[in-house]
Amino acid sequence: MLVQPENTNDEQLTRAVLRLNGTVWGLACGILCGLSLFLATILLVIKGGKTIGPHLKLLSQFLIGYRVTVTGSFVALAYGLLIGFLAGWLVAWVYNRIVSLRNR
């Protein structure tokens, strides 16, 4: 049994609950992405060896200034925060557009 909202306040509450906050989604995705790149780089630097992270080194093609070093891990953190924030915000924006089209 589906309960229908009885008044406009309930309808407004239902619409508000269905929406995502783009800033919060962006921050959450940015922190996850940034910390993931940071930790991956730091762990490879700590591990050491003859060749350090040849696959992760390929990120320097896209992320200017990135290297598999301690300094590069902080560069990766900054890029991860930025790219993750933009991706999370975009997902929330698209989701909210779909929800607003559905509620028309």
PDB file of N, CA and C in Angstrom:
ATOM      1  N   MET A   1       0.844  -1.171   0.000  1.00  0.00           N
ATOM      2  CA  MET A   1       0.000   0.000   0.000  1.00  0.00           C
ATOM      3  C   MET A   1       0.896   1.244   0.000  1.00  0.00           C
ATOM      4  N   LEU A   2       0.686   2.105  -0.970  1.00  0.00           N
ATOM      5  CA  LEU A   2       1.465   3.334  -1.102  1.00  0.00           C
ATOM      6  C   LEU A   2       0.707   4.481  -0.462  1.00  0.00           C
ATOM      7  N   VAL A   3       1.333   5.157   0.469  1.00  0.00           N
ATOM      8  CA  VAL A   3       0.697   6.268   1.166  1.00  0.00           C
ATOM      9  C   VAL A   3       0.984   7.543   0.387  1.00  0.00           C
ATOM     10  N   GLN A   4      -0.050   8.268   0.037  1.00  0.00           N
ATOM     11  CA  GLN A   4       0.072   9.532  -0.682  1.00  0.00           C
ATOM     12  C   GLN A   4       0.117  10.679   0.316  1.00  0.00           C
ATOM     13  N   PRO A   5       0.970  11.666   0.078  1.00  0.00           N
ATOM     14  CA  PRO A   5       1.001  12.836   0.968  1.00  0.00           C
ATOM     15  C   PRO A   5      -0.346  13.546   0.969  1.00  0.00           C
ATOM     16  N   GLU A   6      -0.780  13.971   2.170  1.00  0.00           N
ATOM     17  CA  GLU A   6      -2.101  14.572   2.298  1.00  0.00           C
ATOM     18  C   GLU A   6      -2.108  16.070   2.050  1.00  0.00           C
ATOM     19  N   ASN A   7      -1.032  16.755   2.360  1.00  0.00           N
ATOM     20  CA  ASN A   7      -1.031  18.199   2.164  1.00  0.00           C
ATOM     21  C   ASN A   7       0.267  18.630   1.489  1.00  0.00           C
ATOM     22  N   THR A   8       0.360  19.900   1.211  1.00  0.00           N
ATOM     23  CA  THR A   8       1.507  20.413   0.457  1.00  0.00           C
ATOM     24  C   THR A   8       2.802  20.344   1.255  1.00  0.00           C
ATOM     25  N   ASN A   9       2.728  20.433   2.579  1.00  0.00           N
ATOM     26  CA  ASN A   9       3.940  20.320   3.391  1.00  0.00           C
ATOM     27  C   ASN A   9       4.577  18.942   3.245  1.00  0.00           C
ATOM     28  N   ASP A  10       3.744  17.907   3.216  1.00  0.00           N
ATOM     29  CA  ASP A  10       4.261  16.556   3.030  1.00  0.00           C
ATOM     30  C   ASP A  10       4.861  16.388   1.641  1.00  0.00           C
ATOM     31  N   GLU A  11       4.241  16.995   0.648  1.00  0.00           N
ATOM     32  CA  GLU A  11       4.777  16.918  -0.713  1.00  0.00           C
ATOM     33  C   GLU A  11       6.122  17.631  -0.804  1.00  0.00           C
ATOM     34  N   GLN A  12       6.242  18.787  -0.174  1.00  0.00           N
ATOM     35  CA  GLN A  12       7.505  19.517  -0.182  1.00  0.00           C
ATOM     36  C   GLN A  12       8.595  18.730   0.546  1.00  0.00           C
ATOM     37  N   LEU A  13       8.232  18.096   1.651  1.00  0.00           N
ATOM     38  CA  LEU A  13       9.186  17.290   2.386  1.00  0.00           C
ATOM     39  C   LEU A  13       9.664  16.110   1.539  1.00  0.00           C
ATOM     40  N   THR A  14       8.746  15.461   0.840  1.00  0.00           N
ATOM     41  CA  THR A  14       9.103  14.337  -0.021  1.00  0.00           C
ATOM     42  C   THR A  14      10.045  14.780  -1.127  1.00  0.00           C
ATOM     43  N   ARG A  15       9.780  15.911  -1.753  1.00  0.00           N
ATOM     44  CA  ARG A  15      10.655  16.424  -2.808  1.00  0.00           C
ATOM     45  C   ARG A  15      12.031  16.796  -2.263  1.00  0.00           C
ATOM     46  N   ALA A  16      12.074  17.385  -1.070  1.00  0.00           N
ATOM     47  CA  ALA A  16      13.351  17.790  -0.481  1.00  0.00           C
ATOM     48  C   ALA A  16      14.200  16.576  -0.109  1.00  0.00           C
ATOM     49  N   VAL A  17      13.570  15.517   0.344  1.00  0.00           N
ATOM     50  CA  VAL A  17      14.304  14.322   0.740  1.00  0.00           C
ATOM     51  C   VAL A  17      14.885  13.629  -0.495  1.00  0.00           C
ATOM     52  N   LEU A  18      14.221  13.722  -1.620  1.00  0.00           N
ATOM     53  CA  LEU A  18      14.694  13.061  -2.830  1.00  0.00           C
ATOM     54  C   LEU A  18      15.906  13.745  -3.441  1.00  0.00           C
ATOM     55  N   ARG A  19      16.192  14.965  -3.067  1.00  0.00           N
ATOM     56  CA  ARG A  19      17.297  15.710  -3.672  1.00  0.00           C
ATOM     57  C   ARG A  19      18.619  15.426  -2.965  1.00  0.00           C
ATOM     58  N   LEU A  20      19.700  15.515  -3.720  1.00  0.00           N
ATOM     59  CA  LEU A  20      21.046  15.345  -3.173  1.00  0.00           C
ATOM     60  C   LEU A  20      21.727  16.703  -3.079  1.00  0.00           C
ATOM     61  N   ASN A  21      22.521  16.888  -2.057  1.00  0.00           N
ATOM     62  CA  ASN A  21      23.297  18.103  -1.901  1.00  0.00           C
ATOM     63  C   ASN A  21      24.598  17.930  -2.677  1.00  0.00           C
ATOM     64  N   GLY A  22      24.770  18.707  -3.729  1.00  0.00           N
ATOM     65  CA  GLY A  22      25.928  18.571  -4.602  1.00  0.00           C
ATOM     66  C   GLY A  22      27.245  18.847  -3.911  1.00  0.00           C
ATOM     67  N   THR A  23      27.258  19.808  -3.003  1.00  0.00           N
ATOM     68  CA  THR A  23      28.497  20.138  -2.296  1.00  0.00           C
ATOM     69  C   THR A  23      28.935  18.987  -1.396  1.00  0.00           C
ATOM     70  N   VAL A  24      27.991  18.389  -0.699  1.00  0.00           N
ATOM     71  CA  VAL A  24      28.320  17.276   0.195  1.00  0.00           C
ATOM     72  C   VAL A  24      28.793  16.070  -0.611  1.00  0.00           C
ATOM     73  N   TRP A  25      28.095  15.756  -1.694  1.00  0.00           N
ATOM     74  CA  TRP A  25      28.513  14.646  -2.556  1.00  0.00           C
ATOM     75  C   TRP A  25      29.891  14.922  -3.140  1.00  0.00           C
ATOM     76  N   GLY A  26      30.120  16.145  -3.548  1.00  0.00           N
ATOM     77  CA  GLY A  26      31.419  16.505  -4.108  1.00  0.00           C
ATOM     78  C   GLY A  26      32.534  16.355  -3.092  1.00  0.00           C
ATOM     79  N   LEU A  27      32.310  16.826  -1.873  1.00  0.00           N
ATOM     80  CA  LEU A  27      33.324  16.691  -0.828  1.00  0.00           C
ATOM     81  C   LEU A  27      33.600  15.228  -0.495  1.00  0.00           C
ATOM     82  N   ALA A  28      32.542  14.440  -0.390  1.00  0.00           N
ATOM     83  CA  ALA A  28      32.724  13.021  -0.067  1.00  0.00           C
ATOM     84  C   ALA A  28      33.521  12.309  -1.159  1.00  0.00           C
ATOM     85  N   CYS A  29      33.159  12.523  -2.397  1.00  0.00           N
ATOM     86  CA  CYS A  29      33.875  11.882  -3.509  1.00  0.00           C
ATOM     87  C   CYS A  29      35.300  12.414  -3.623  1.00  0.00           C
ATOM     88  N   GLY A  30      35.480  13.704  -3.414  1.00  0.00           N
ATOM     89  CA  GLY A  30      36.804  14.303  -3.479  1.00  0.00           C
ATOM     90  C   GLY A  30      37.737  13.759  -2.411  1.00  0.00           C
ATOM     91  N   ILE A  31      37.229  13.629  -1.202  1.00  0.00           N
ATOM     92  CA  ILE A  31      38.054  13.099  -0.117  1.00  0.00           C
ATOM     93  C   ILE A  31      38.422  11.643  -0.391  1.00  0.00           C
ATOM     94  N   LEU A  32      37.454  10.851  -0.843  1.00  0.00           N
ATOM     95  CA  LEU A  32      37.751   9.452  -1.152  1.00  0.00           C
ATOM     96  C   LEU A  32      38.781   9.322  -2.270  1.00  0.00           C
ATOM     97  N   CYS A  33      38.610  10.070  -3.319  1.00  0.00           N
ATOM     98  CA  CYS A  33      39.518   9.999  -4.459  1.00  0.00           C
ATOM     99  C   CYS A  33      40.906  10.514  -4.080  1.00  0.00           C
ATOM    100  N   GLY A  34      40.956  11.636  -3.415  1.00  0.00           N
ATOM    101  CA  GLY A  34      42.235  12.226  -3.022  1.00  0.00           C
ATOM    102  C   GLY A  34      43.018  11.347  -2.067  1.00  0.00           C
ATOM    103  N   LEU A  35      42.345  10.819  -1.053  1.00  0.00           N
ATOM    104  CA  LEU A  35      43.031   9.954  -0.101  1.00  0.00           C
ATOM    105  C   LEU A  35      43.477   8.641  -0.741  1.00  0.00           C
ATOM    106  N   SER A  36      42.698   8.137  -1.678  1.00  0.00           N
ATOM    107  CA  SER A  36      43.083   6.901  -2.368  1.00  0.00           C
ATOM    108  C   SER A  36      44.369   7.094  -3.153  1.00  0.00           C
ATOM    109  N   LEU A  37      44.447   8.171  -3.912  1.00  0.00           N
ATOM    110  CA  LEU A  37      45.670   8.440  -4.672  1.00  0.00           C
ATOM    111  C   LEU A  37      46.852   8.721  -3.743  1.00  0.00           C
ATOM    112  N   PHE A  38      46.591   9.459  -2.681  1.00  0.00           N
ATOM    113  CA  PHE A  38      47.642   9.776  -1.716  1.00  0.00           C
ATOM    114  C   PHE A  38      48.206   8.509  -1.087  1.00  0.00           C
ATOM    115  N   LEU A  39      47.322   7.648  -0.595  1.00  0.00           N
ATOM    116  CA  LEU A  39      47.765   6.422   0.062  1.00  0.00           C
ATOM    117  C   LEU A  39      48.459   5.474  -0.900  1.00  0.00           C
ATOM    118  N   ALA A  40      47.937   5.351  -2.119  1.00  0.00           N
ATOM    119  CA  ALA A  40      48.578   4.478  -3.098  1.00  0.00           C
ATOM    120  C   ALA A  40      49.998   4.945  -3.392  1.00  0.00           C
ATOM    121  N   THR A  41      50.177   6.233  -3.547  1.00  0.00           N
ATOM    122  CA  THR A  41      51.506   6.769  -3.838  1.00  0.00           C
ATOM    123  C   THR A  41      52.445   6.595  -2.647  1.00  0.00           C
ATOM    124  N   ILE A  42      51.983   6.924  -1.454  1.00  0.00           N
ATOM    125  CA  ILE A  42      52.820   6.806  -0.260  1.00  0.00           C
ATOM    126  C   ILE A  42      53.228   5.347  -0.030  1.00  0.00           C
ATOM    127  N   LEU A  43      52.289   4.423  -0.190  1.00  0.00           N
ATOM    128  CA  LEU A  43      52.620   3.016   0.022  1.00  0.00           C
ATOM    129  C   LEU A  43      53.657   2.525  -0.982  1.00  0.00           C
ATOM    130  N   LEU A  44      53.566   2.974  -2.217  1.00  0.00           N
ATOM    131  CA  LEU A  44      54.571   2.591  -3.204  1.00  0.00           C
ATOM    132  C   LEU A  44      55.935   3.196  -2.889  1.00  0.00           C
ATOM    133  N   VAL A  45      55.947   4.416  -2.407  1.00  0.00           N
ATOM    134  CA  VAL A  45      57.222   5.048  -2.040  1.00  0.00           C
ATOM    135  C   VAL A  45      57.848   4.306  -0.858  1.00  0.00           C
ATOM    136  N   ILE A  46      57.035   3.935   0.128  1.00  0.00           N
ATOM    137  CA  ILE A  46      57.546   3.210   1.294  1.00  0.00           C
ATOM    138  C   ILE A  46      58.058   1.834   0.880  1.00  0.00           C
ATOM    139  N   LYS A  47      57.343   1.177  -0.019  1.00  0.00           N
ATOM    140  CA  LYS A  47      57.746  -0.151  -0.491  1.00  0.00           C
ATOM    141  C   LYS A  47      59.102  -0.089  -1.185  1.00  0.00           C
ATOM    142  N   GLY A  48      59.291   0.914  -2.018  1.00  0.00           N
ATOM    143  CA  GLY A  48      60.568   1.104  -2.705  1.00  0.00           C
ATOM    144  C   GLY A  48      60.824   0.045  -3.757  1.00  0.00           C
ATOM    145  N   GLY A  49      62.092  -0.156  -4.105  1.00  0.00           N
ATOM    146  CA  GLY A  49      62.472  -1.137  -5.106  1.00  0.00           C
ATOM    147  C   GLY A  49      63.139  -0.481  -6.294  1.00  0.00           C
ATOM    148  N   LYS A  50      63.465  -1.304  -7.298  1.00  0.00           N
ATOM    149  CA  LYS A  50      64.120  -0.778  -8.501  1.00  0.00           C
ATOM    150  C   LYS A  50      63.195   0.159  -9.267  1.00  0.00           C
ATOM    151  N   THR A  51      62.014  -0.322  -9.578  1.00  0.00           N
ATOM    152  CA  THR A  51      61.025   0.514 -10.268  1.00  0.00           C
ATOM    153  C   THR A  51      59.854   0.717  -9.321  1.00  0.00           C
ATOM    154  N   ILE A  52      59.542   1.956  -9.091  1.00  0.00           N
ATOM    155  CA  ILE A  52      58.467   2.283  -8.141  1.00  0.00           C
ATOM    156  C   ILE A  52      57.216   2.667  -8.916  1.00  0.00           C
ATOM    157  N   GLY A  53      56.226   1.820  -8.880  1.00  0.00           N
ATOM    158  CA  GLY A  53      54.918   2.125  -9.436  1.00  0.00           C
ATOM    159  C   GLY A  53      54.886   2.531 -10.896  1.00  0.00           C
ATOM    160  N   PRO A  54      55.274   1.641 -11.818  1.00  0.00           N
ATOM    161  CA  PRO A  54      55.263   2.038 -13.227  1.00  0.00           C
ATOM    162  C   PRO A  54      53.863   2.360 -13.749  1.00  0.00           C
ATOM    163  N   HIS A  55      52.854   1.695 -13.206  1.00  0.00           N
ATOM    164  CA  HIS A  55      51.489   1.966 -13.661  1.00  0.00           C
ATOM    165  C   HIS A  55      50.973   3.289 -13.107  1.00  0.00           C
ATOM    166  N   LEU A  56      51.273   3.541 -11.851  1.00  0.00           N
ATOM    167  CA  LEU A  56      50.827   4.795 -11.240  1.00  0.00           C
ATOM    168  C   LEU A  56      51.584   5.982 -11.822  1.00  0.00           C
ATOM    169  N   LYS A  57      52.796   5.728 -12.287  1.00  0.00           N
ATOM    170  CA  LYS A  57      53.596   6.785 -12.904  1.00  0.00           C
ATOM    171  C   LYS A  57      52.928   7.327 -14.166  1.00  0.00           C
ATOM    172  N   LEU A  58      52.082   6.514 -14.797  1.00  0.00           N
ATOM    173  CA  LEU A  58      51.377   6.956 -16.006  1.00  0.00           C
ATOM    174  C   LEU A  58      50.413   8.108 -15.732  1.00  0.00           C
ATOM    175  N   LEU A  59      50.025   8.302 -14.484  1.00  0.00           N
ATOM    176  CA  LEU A  59      49.152   9.429 -14.150  1.00  0.00           C
ATOM    177  C   LEU A  59      49.808  10.770 -14.435  1.00  0.00           C
ATOM    178  N   SER A  60      51.130  10.784 -14.510  1.00  0.00           N
ATOM    179  CA  SER A  60      51.817  12.045 -14.798  1.00  0.00           C
ATOM    180  C   SER A  60      51.494  12.556 -16.198  1.00  0.00           C
ATOM    181  N   GLN A  61      50.950  11.695 -17.052  1.00  0.00           N
ATOM    182  CA  GLN A  61      50.511  12.136 -18.377  1.00  0.00           C
ATOM    183  C   GLN A  61      49.297  13.052 -18.287  1.00  0.00           C
ATOM    184  N   PHE A  62      48.481  12.863 -17.237  1.00  0.00           N
ATOM    185  CA  PHE A  62      47.247  13.631 -17.079  1.00  0.00           C
ATOM    186  C   PHE A  62      47.324  14.654 -15.941  1.00  0.00           C
ATOM    187  N   LEU A  63      48.055  14.318 -14.896  1.00  0.00           N
ATOM    188  CA  LEU A  63      48.159  15.187 -13.727  1.00  0.00           C
ATOM    189  C   LEU A  63      49.525  15.868 -13.742  1.00  0.00           C
ATOM    190  N   ILE A  64      49.541  17.109 -14.153  1.00  0.00           N
ATOM    191  CA  ILE A  64      50.792  17.849 -14.293  1.00  0.00           C
ATOM    192  C   ILE A  64      51.452  18.006 -12.921  1.00  0.00           C
ATOM    193  N   GLY A  65      52.730  17.661 -12.837  1.00  0.00           N
ATOM    194  CA  GLY A  65      53.469  17.786 -11.598  1.00  0.00           C
ATOM    195  C   GLY A  65      53.469  16.533 -10.745  1.00  0.00           C
ATOM    196  N   TYR A  66      52.734  15.504 -11.153  1.00  0.00           N
ATOM    197  CA  TYR A  66      52.658  14.284 -10.353  1.00  0.00           C
ATOM    198  C   TYR A  66      53.861  13.389 -10.627  1.00  0.00           C
ATOM    199  N   ARG A  67      54.449  12.862  -9.577  1.00  0.00           N
ATOM    200  CA  ARG A  67      55.514  11.867  -9.634  1.00  0.00           C
ATOM    201  C   ARG A  67      55.253  10.880  -8.496  1.00  0.00           C
ATOM    202  N   VAL A  68      55.810   9.693  -8.594  1.00  0.00           N
ATOM    203  CA  VAL A  68      55.656   8.719  -7.516  1.00  0.00           C
ATOM    204  C   VAL A  68      56.729   9.006  -6.469  1.00  0.00           C
ATOM    205  N   THR A  69      56.515  10.083  -5.733  1.00  0.00           N
ATOM    206  CA  THR A  69      57.388  10.521  -4.647  1.00  0.00           C
ATOM    207  C   THR A  69      56.507  11.022  -3.509  1.00  0.00           C
ATOM    208  N   VAL A  70      57.132  11.391  -2.416  1.00  0.00           N
ATOM    209  CA  VAL A  70      56.368  11.935  -1.292  1.00  0.00           C
ATOM    210  C   VAL A  70      55.703  13.247  -1.696  1.00  0.00           C
ATOM    211  N   THR A  71      56.426  14.102  -2.398  1.00  0.00           N
ATOM    212  CA  THR A  71      55.843  15.358  -2.875  1.00  0.00           C
ATOM    213  C   THR A  71      54.718  15.090  -3.873  1.00  0.00           C
ATOM    214  N   GLY A  72      54.931  14.096  -4.726  1.00  0.00           N
ATOM    215  CA  GLY A  72      53.913  13.734  -5.707  1.00  0.00           C
ATOM    216  C   GLY A  72      52.634  13.226  -5.067  1.00  0.00           C
ATOM    217  N   SER A  73      52.751  12.628  -3.879  1.00  0.00           N
ATOM    218  CA  SER A  73      51.549  12.149  -3.195  1.00  0.00           C
ATOM    219  C   SER A  73      50.650  13.319  -2.783  1.00  0.00           C
ATOM    220  N   PHE A  74      51.259  14.440  -2.414  1.00  0.00           N
ATOM    221  CA  PHE A  74      50.463  15.615  -2.060  1.00  0.00           C
ATOM    222  C   PHE A  74      49.859  16.264  -3.305  1.00  0.00           C
ATOM    223  N   VAL A  75      50.577  16.206  -4.408  1.00  0.00           N
ATOM    224  CA  VAL A  75      50.022  16.680  -5.681  1.00  0.00           C
ATOM    225  C   VAL A  75      48.832  15.803  -6.065  1.00  0.00           C
ATOM    226  N   ALA A  76      48.974  14.478  -5.888  1.00  0.00           N
ATOM    227  CA  ALA A  76      47.879  13.552  -6.186  1.00  0.00           C
ATOM    228  C   ALA A  76      46.673  13.810  -5.282  1.00  0.00           C
ATOM    229  N   LEU A  77      46.934  14.132  -4.031  1.00  0.00           N
ATOM    230  CA  LEU A  77      45.852  14.454  -3.095  1.00  0.00           C
ATOM    231  C   LEU A  77      45.067  15.666  -3.588  1.00  0.00           C
ATOM    232  N   ALA A  78      45.774  16.702  -4.019  1.00  0.00           N
ATOM    233  CA  ALA A  78      45.103  17.913  -4.507  1.00  0.00           C
ATOM    234  C   ALA A  78      44.290  17.626  -5.770  1.00  0.00           C
ATOM    235  N   TYR A  79      44.893  16.913  -6.709  1.00  0.00           N
ATOM    236  CA  TYR A  79      44.170  16.566  -7.929  1.00  0.00           C
ATOM    237  C   TYR A  79      42.969  15.668  -7.630  1.00  0.00           C
ATOM    238  N   GLY A  80      43.155  14.713  -6.725  1.00  0.00           N
ATOM    239  CA  GLY A  80      42.059  13.824  -6.355  1.00  0.00           C
ATOM    240  C   GLY A  80      40.901  14.567  -5.726  1.00  0.00           C
ATOM    241  N   LEU A  81      41.221  15.522  -4.858  1.00  0.00           N
ATOM    242  CA  LEU A  81      40.167  16.339  -4.247  1.00  0.00           C
ATOM    243  C   LEU A  81      39.395  17.115  -5.307  1.00  0.00           C
ATOM    244  N   LEU A  82      40.119  17.711  -6.244  1.00  0.00           N
ATOM    245  CA  LEU A  82      39.480  18.511  -7.284  1.00  0.00           C
ATOM    246  C   LEU A  82      38.642  17.657  -8.230  1.00  0.00           C
ATOM    247  N   ILE A  83      39.226  16.609  -8.754  1.00  0.00           N
ATOM    248  CA  ILE A  83      38.524  15.757  -9.716  1.00  0.00           C
ATOM    249  C   ILE A  83      37.364  15.033  -9.042  1.00  0.00           C
ATOM    250  N   GLY A  84      37.581  14.541  -7.827  1.00  0.00           N
ATOM    251  CA  GLY A  84      36.509  13.867  -7.094  1.00  0.00           C
ATOM    252  C   GLY A  84      35.360  14.802  -6.768  1.00  0.00           C
ATOM    253  N   PHE A  85      35.686  16.047  -6.377  1.00  0.00           N
ATOM    254  CA  PHE A  85      34.626  17.019  -6.084  1.00  0.00           C
ATOM    255  C   PHE A  85      33.789  17.283  -7.334  1.00  0.00           C
ATOM    256  N   LEU A  86      34.457  17.510  -8.453  1.00  0.00           N
ATOM    257  CA  LEU A  86      33.715  17.781  -9.688  1.00  0.00           C
ATOM    258  C   LEU A  86      32.855  16.594 -10.105  1.00  0.00           C
ATOM    259  N   ALA A  87      33.383  15.391  -9.976  1.00  0.00           N
ATOM    260  CA  ALA A  87      32.620  14.196 -10.344  1.00  0.00           C
ATOM    261  C   ALA A  87      31.420  14.009  -9.420  1.00  0.00           C
ATOM    262  N   GLY A  88      31.612  14.169  -8.115  1.00  0.00           N
ATOM    263  CA  GLY A  88      30.511  14.021  -7.161  1.00  0.00           C
ATOM    264  C   GLY A  88      29.442  15.075  -7.357  1.00  0.00           C
ATOM    265  N   TRP A  89      29.870  16.308  -7.595  1.00  0.00           N
ATOM    266  CA  TRP A  89      28.911  17.384  -7.832  1.00  0.00           C
ATOM    267  C   TRP A  89      28.110  17.122  -9.107  1.00  0.00           C
ATOM    268  N   LEU A  90      28.782  16.640 -10.138  1.00  0.00           N
ATOM    269  CA  LEU A  90      28.103  16.348 -11.401  1.00  0.00           C
ATOM    270  C   LEU A  90      27.084  15.221 -11.238  1.00  0.00           C
ATOM    271  N   VAL A  91      27.433  14.194 -10.490  1.00  0.00           N
ATOM    272  CA  VAL A  91      26.493  13.092 -10.244  1.00  0.00           C
ATOM    273  C   VAL A  91      25.259  13.617  -9.509  1.00  0.00           C
ATOM    274  N   ALA A  92      25.450  14.437  -8.496  1.00  0.00           N
ATOM    275  CA  ALA A  92      24.319  14.997  -7.745  1.00  0.00           C
ATOM    276  C   ALA A  92      23.473  15.898  -8.637  1.00  0.00           C
ATOM    277  N   TRP A  93      24.106  16.682  -9.488  1.00  0.00           N
ATOM    278  CA  TRP A  93      23.375  17.577 -10.380  1.00  0.00           C
ATOM    279  C   TRP A  93      22.505  16.784 -11.356  1.00  0.00           C
ATOM    280  N   VAL A  94      23.072  15.757 -11.965  1.00  0.00           N
ATOM    281  CA  VAL A  94      22.301  14.920 -12.905  1.00  0.00           C
ATOM    282  C   VAL A  94      21.167  14.228 -12.173  1.00  0.00           C
ATOM    283  N   TYR A  95      21.431  13.683 -10.997  1.00  0.00           N
ATOM    284  CA  TYR A  95      20.399  13.017 -10.212  1.00  0.00           C
ATOM    285  C   TYR A  95      19.260  13.983  -9.879  1.00  0.00           C
ATOM    286  N   ASN A  96      19.597  15.188  -9.441  1.00  0.00           N
ATOM    287  CA  ASN A  96      18.566  16.171  -9.099  1.00  0.00           C
ATOM    288  C   ASN A  96      17.757  16.573 -10.317  1.00  0.00           C
ATOM    289  N   ARG A  97      18.387  16.663 -11.482  1.00  0.00           N
ATOM    290  CA  ARG A  97      17.642  16.976 -12.712  1.00  0.00           C
ATOM    291  C   ARG A  97      16.643  15.872 -13.036  1.00  0.00           C
ATOM    292  N   ILE A  98      17.063  14.635 -12.875  1.00  0.00           N
ATOM    293  CA  ILE A  98      16.169  13.499 -13.154  1.00  0.00           C
ATOM    294  C   ILE A  98      15.000  13.491 -12.172  1.00  0.00           C
ATOM    295  N   VAL A  99      15.291  13.766 -10.891  1.00  0.00           N
ATOM    296  CA  VAL A  99      14.228  13.811  -9.880  1.00  0.00           C
ATOM    297  C   VAL A  99      13.254  14.954 -10.175  1.00  0.00           C
ATOM    298  N   SER A 100      13.761  16.104 -10.600  1.00  0.00           N
ATOM    299  CA  SER A 100      12.876  17.227 -10.889  1.00  0.00           C
ATOM    300  C   SER A 100      12.013  16.946 -12.116  1.00  0.00           C
ATOM    301  N   LEU A 101      12.538  16.231 -13.089  1.00  0.00           N
ATOM    302  CA  LEU A 101      11.718  15.848 -14.251  1.00  0.00           C
ATOM    303  C   LEU A 101      10.646  14.847 -13.847  1.00  0.00           C
ATOM    304  N   ARG A 102      10.966  13.972 -12.931  1.00  0.00           N
ATOM    305  CA  ARG A 102      10.020  12.956 -12.485  1.00  0.00           C
ATOM    306  C   ARG A 102       8.872  13.593 -11.689  1.00  0.00           C
ATOM    307  N   ASN A 103       9.153  14.657 -10.953  1.00  0.00           N
ATOM    308  CA  ASN A 103       8.143  15.283 -10.088  1.00  0.00           C
ATOM    309  C   ASN A 103       7.221  16.243 -10.834  1.00  0.00           C
ATOM    310  N   ARG A 104       7.473  16.470 -12.102  1.00  0.00           N
ATOM    311  CA  ARG A 104       6.615  17.404 -12.841  1.00  0.00           C
ATOM    312  C   ARG A 104       5.236  16.881 -13.070  1.00  0.00           C
TER     313      ARG A 104
END
